[in-house]
Amino acid sequence: MGQVTVSSENGVIQVRDDQELLDFPYQQLSVDTRLQDRTAQAEVRLSSEIIGQLAVNADIADPAGAQTLSGDYQLRDLKLDFLRPMLPDVDELQLTLNGSGSLSGVLSQPVVSGVLSLRDGLVAGRNLPISLEQLQADIRIDGTNAQVDSRWTRASRGRVRCRGWLAGRRWMWICSCAAAPCR
């Protein structure tokens, strides 16, 4: 019945920090929506040498009623460094995500499932109790549940491995340290 497409090439996404305006250039940003009597479809694509790549495909059955959601997403070299200004105690942030998964549930309460991986990350700040260097994590998401298997190096104190489980809103972590006590 209807289609709306918005596409931009070689643009800039701006994020305002308290002290500065940060620019994140992209090569392609597009949103394509198609509306029919009983379904709505949306595709969102972002491609940036600085930010990485993001693709989301979503279908909504009965958009005027139940709004049942189905779809998928893919992240490739998605850099989360742009979040640093929103984390006041973090001086250095280098995080890159890869992964894919599915979308389900209803539009007002989407259910996200999938597998994400983070490699060679860094989270550091003079006000943080520890710095996470060479951070790696494998994250398996299943709706309101998640499993995280992470590893990192603490400056001159050895390697740490933590596994975490999220069930509902409760986290449980088990950590082990090599070469130094976990503190």
Protein backbone atom coordinates (compact mmCIF):
# COMPACT_ATOMS: atom_id res chain seq x y z
CA MET A 1 0.00 0.00 0.00
CA GLY A 2 2.81 2.41 0.76
CA GLN A 3 6.56 2.68 0.92
CA VAL A 4 8.90 5.24 2.46
CA THR A 5 12.62 5.19 1.79
CA VAL A 6 15.14 7.57 3.34
CA SER A 7 18.74 7.22 2.24
CA SER A 8 21.82 9.29 2.86
CA GLU A 9 25.37 8.90 1.63
CA ASN A 10 28.57 10.36 3.06
CA GLY A 11 26.95 12.04 6.05
CA VAL A 12 27.76 12.63 9.69
CA ILE A 13 26.02 11.49 12.88
CA GLN A 14 26.67 13.97 15.68
CA VAL A 15 26.69 13.11 19.37
CA ARG A 16 26.83 15.94 21.88
CA ASP A 17 29.07 15.52 24.90
CA ASP A 18 28.88 18.07 27.73
CA GLN A 19 32.06 19.68 26.44
CA GLU A 20 32.05 18.95 22.71
CA LEU A 21 30.16 17.85 19.63
CA LEU A 22 31.48 14.53 18.30
CA ASP A 23 31.22 13.67 14.60
CA PHE A 24 30.87 10.11 13.30
CA PRO A 25 30.97 10.03 9.51
CA TYR A 26 29.16 7.31 7.58
CA GLN A 27 29.18 6.21 3.98
CA GLN A 28 25.60 4.88 3.84
CA LEU A 29 22.52 5.24 6.07
CA SER A 30 19.15 4.02 4.86
CA VAL A 31 15.72 3.28 6.25
CA ASP A 32 13.19 1.52 4.04
CA THR A 33 9.62 0.88 5.24
CA ARG A 34 6.80 -0.87 3.42
CA LEU A 35 3.23 -0.79 4.70
CA GLN A 36 0.48 -3.18 3.65
CA ASP A 37 -2.94 -3.94 5.11
CA ARG A 38 -1.75 -6.54 7.61
CA THR A 39 2.03 -6.14 7.69
CA ALA A 40 4.73 -3.51 8.01
CA GLN A 41 8.34 -4.14 7.06
CA ALA A 42 11.39 -2.07 7.90
CA GLU A 43 15.04 -2.33 6.91
CA VAL A 44 17.70 -0.16 8.51
CA ARG A 45 21.29 -0.12 7.22
CA LEU A 46 24.31 1.77 8.49
CA SER A 47 27.74 1.49 6.93
CA SER A 48 30.63 3.52 8.30
CA GLU A 49 34.39 3.11 8.32
CA ILE A 50 34.38 4.74 11.78
CA ILE A 51 31.28 3.15 13.38
CA GLY A 52 31.05 -0.19 11.55
CA GLN A 53 28.07 -1.85 9.98
CA LEU A 54 24.57 -2.47 11.28
CA ALA A 55 21.65 -4.12 9.48
CA VAL A 56 18.17 -4.66 10.93
CA ASN A 57 15.23 -6.32 9.14
CA ALA A 58 11.92 -6.23 10.98
CA ASP A 59 8.43 -7.41 10.04
CA ILE A 60 5.38 -6.41 12.05
CA ALA A 61 2.25 -8.51 11.57
CA ASP A 62 -1.05 -6.79 12.37
CA PRO A 63 0.51 -3.32 12.89
CA ALA A 64 -2.79 -1.81 14.04
CA GLY A 65 -3.50 -4.64 16.49
CA ALA A 66 -1.21 -7.25 18.08
CA GLN A 67 1.98 -5.84 16.45
CA THR A 68 3.76 -9.21 16.34
CA LEU A 69 7.47 -8.70 15.60
CA SER A 70 9.84 -10.94 13.66
CA GLY A 71 13.16 -10.19 12.06
CA ASP A 72 16.92 -10.29 12.36
CA TYR A 73 19.95 -8.09 12.93
CA GLN A 74 23.66 -8.18 12.07
CA LEU A 75 26.54 -6.21 13.54
CA ARG A 76 29.91 -6.14 11.83
CA ASP A 77 32.82 -4.28 13.38
CA LEU A 78 30.33 -2.07 15.26
CA LYS A 79 32.48 0.26 17.34
CA LEU A 80 31.03 1.39 20.65
CA ASP A 81 33.74 4.01 21.27
CA PHE A 82 31.15 6.74 20.71
CA LEU A 83 29.60 5.83 24.08
CA ARG A 84 32.66 7.14 25.99
CA PRO A 85 31.30 10.69 26.42
CA MET A 86 28.22 9.21 28.13
CA LEU A 87 30.41 7.35 30.67
CA PRO A 88 32.03 10.10 32.77
CA ASP A 89 34.43 7.82 34.68
CA VAL A 90 35.76 6.18 31.52
CA ASP A 91 38.79 7.89 29.95
CA GLU A 92 39.48 5.24 27.31
CA LEU A 93 36.90 3.05 25.58
CA GLN A 94 37.61 0.75 22.66
CA LEU A 95 34.90 -1.83 22.07
CA THR A 96 34.02 -3.55 18.79
CA LEU A 97 31.04 -5.90 18.47
CA ASN A 98 30.28 -8.52 15.86
CA GLY A 99 27.29 -10.80 15.79
CA SER A 100 23.81 -11.55 14.64
CA GLY A 101 20.49 -12.66 15.95
CA SER A 102 16.73 -12.57 15.72
CA LEU A 103 13.89 -10.32 16.80
CA SER A 104 10.53 -11.63 18.00
CA GLY A 105 7.77 -10.85 20.50
CA VAL A 106 5.63 -7.77 20.07
CA LEU A 107 6.69 -4.25 19.12
CA SER A 108 6.14 -2.85 22.64
CA GLN A 109 8.16 -5.71 24.22
CA PRO A 110 10.65 -7.02 21.66
CA VAL A 111 12.55 -10.24 22.37
CA VAL A 112 16.15 -10.16 21.18
CA SER A 113 18.16 -13.35 20.72
CA GLY A 114 21.57 -13.93 19.21
CA VAL A 115 25.30 -14.27 19.63
CA LEU A 116 27.67 -11.30 19.96
CA SER A 117 31.44 -11.22 20.29
CA LEU A 118 33.73 -8.50 21.52
CA ARG A 119 37.46 -8.65 20.75
CA ASP A 120 40.52 -6.65 21.86
CA GLY A 121 38.53 -4.21 23.96
CA LEU A 122 39.77 -1.62 26.42
CA VAL A 123 37.88 0.09 29.26
CA ALA A 124 40.02 2.34 31.45
CA GLY A 125 39.68 5.40 33.63
CA ARG A 126 41.50 6.93 36.56
CA ASN A 127 38.28 6.74 38.64
CA LEU A 128 37.57 3.08 37.80
CA PRO A 129 38.64 0.40 40.30
CA ILE A 130 40.28 -1.65 37.52
CA SER A 131 41.16 -1.30 33.85
CA LEU A 132 40.03 -3.96 31.43
CA GLU A 133 42.70 -4.54 28.79
CA GLN A 134 42.58 -7.05 25.95
CA LEU A 135 38.90 -7.51 26.82
CA GLN A 136 37.15 -10.33 25.00
CA ALA A 137 33.60 -11.51 25.51
CA ASP A 138 31.21 -13.97 23.95
CA ILE A 139 27.61 -13.08 24.66
CA ARG A 140 24.64 -15.35 24.02
CA ILE A 141 21.29 -13.58 24.35
CA ASP A 142 17.97 -15.38 24.58
CA GLY A 143 15.21 -12.90 25.38
CA THR A 144 15.50 -11.96 29.06
CA ASN A 145 18.33 -14.45 29.60
CA ALA A 146 21.98 -14.03 28.65
CA GLN A 147 25.29 -15.82 29.11
CA VAL A 148 28.59 -13.96 29.05
CA ASP A 149 32.02 -15.56 28.86
CA SER A 150 34.64 -12.82 29.20
CA ARG A 151 38.41 -12.56 29.56
CA TRP A 152 40.71 -9.63 30.11
CA THR A 153 44.12 -8.60 31.40
CA ARG A 154 44.54 -6.36 34.40
CA ALA A 155 47.53 -4.03 34.22
CA SER A 156 50.54 -5.98 35.58
CA ARG A 157 48.24 -8.26 37.60
CA GLY A 158 47.46 -11.13 35.23
CA ARG A 159 44.46 -12.45 33.36
CA VAL A 160 40.87 -12.64 34.60
CA ARG A 161 38.06 -14.81 33.30
CA CYS A 162 34.44 -14.24 34.27
CA ARG A 163 31.31 -16.06 33.30
CA GLY A 164 27.97 -14.50 33.92
CA TRP A 165 24.35 -15.50 33.59
CA LEU A 166 21.36 -13.23 33.47
CA ALA A 167 17.95 -14.68 34.26
CA GLY A 168 15.19 -12.09 34.28
CA ARG A 169 16.86 -9.18 36.07
CA ARG A 170 19.36 -11.08 38.21
CA TRP A 171 23.04 -11.55 37.31
CA MET A 172 25.31 -14.26 38.68
CA TRP A 173 29.08 -14.07 38.05
CA ILE A 174 31.88 -16.54 38.59
CA CYS A 175 35.41 -15.16 38.13
CA SER A 176 38.86 -16.70 38.24
CA CYS A 177 42.23 -14.99 38.12
CA ALA A 178 45.62 -16.15 36.90
CA ALA A 179 48.87 -15.00 38.55
CA ALA A 180 47.27 -12.71 41.17
CA PRO A 181 44.28 -12.74 43.53
CA CYS A 182 40.98 -11.40 42.18
CA ARG A 183 40.41 -8.00 43.79
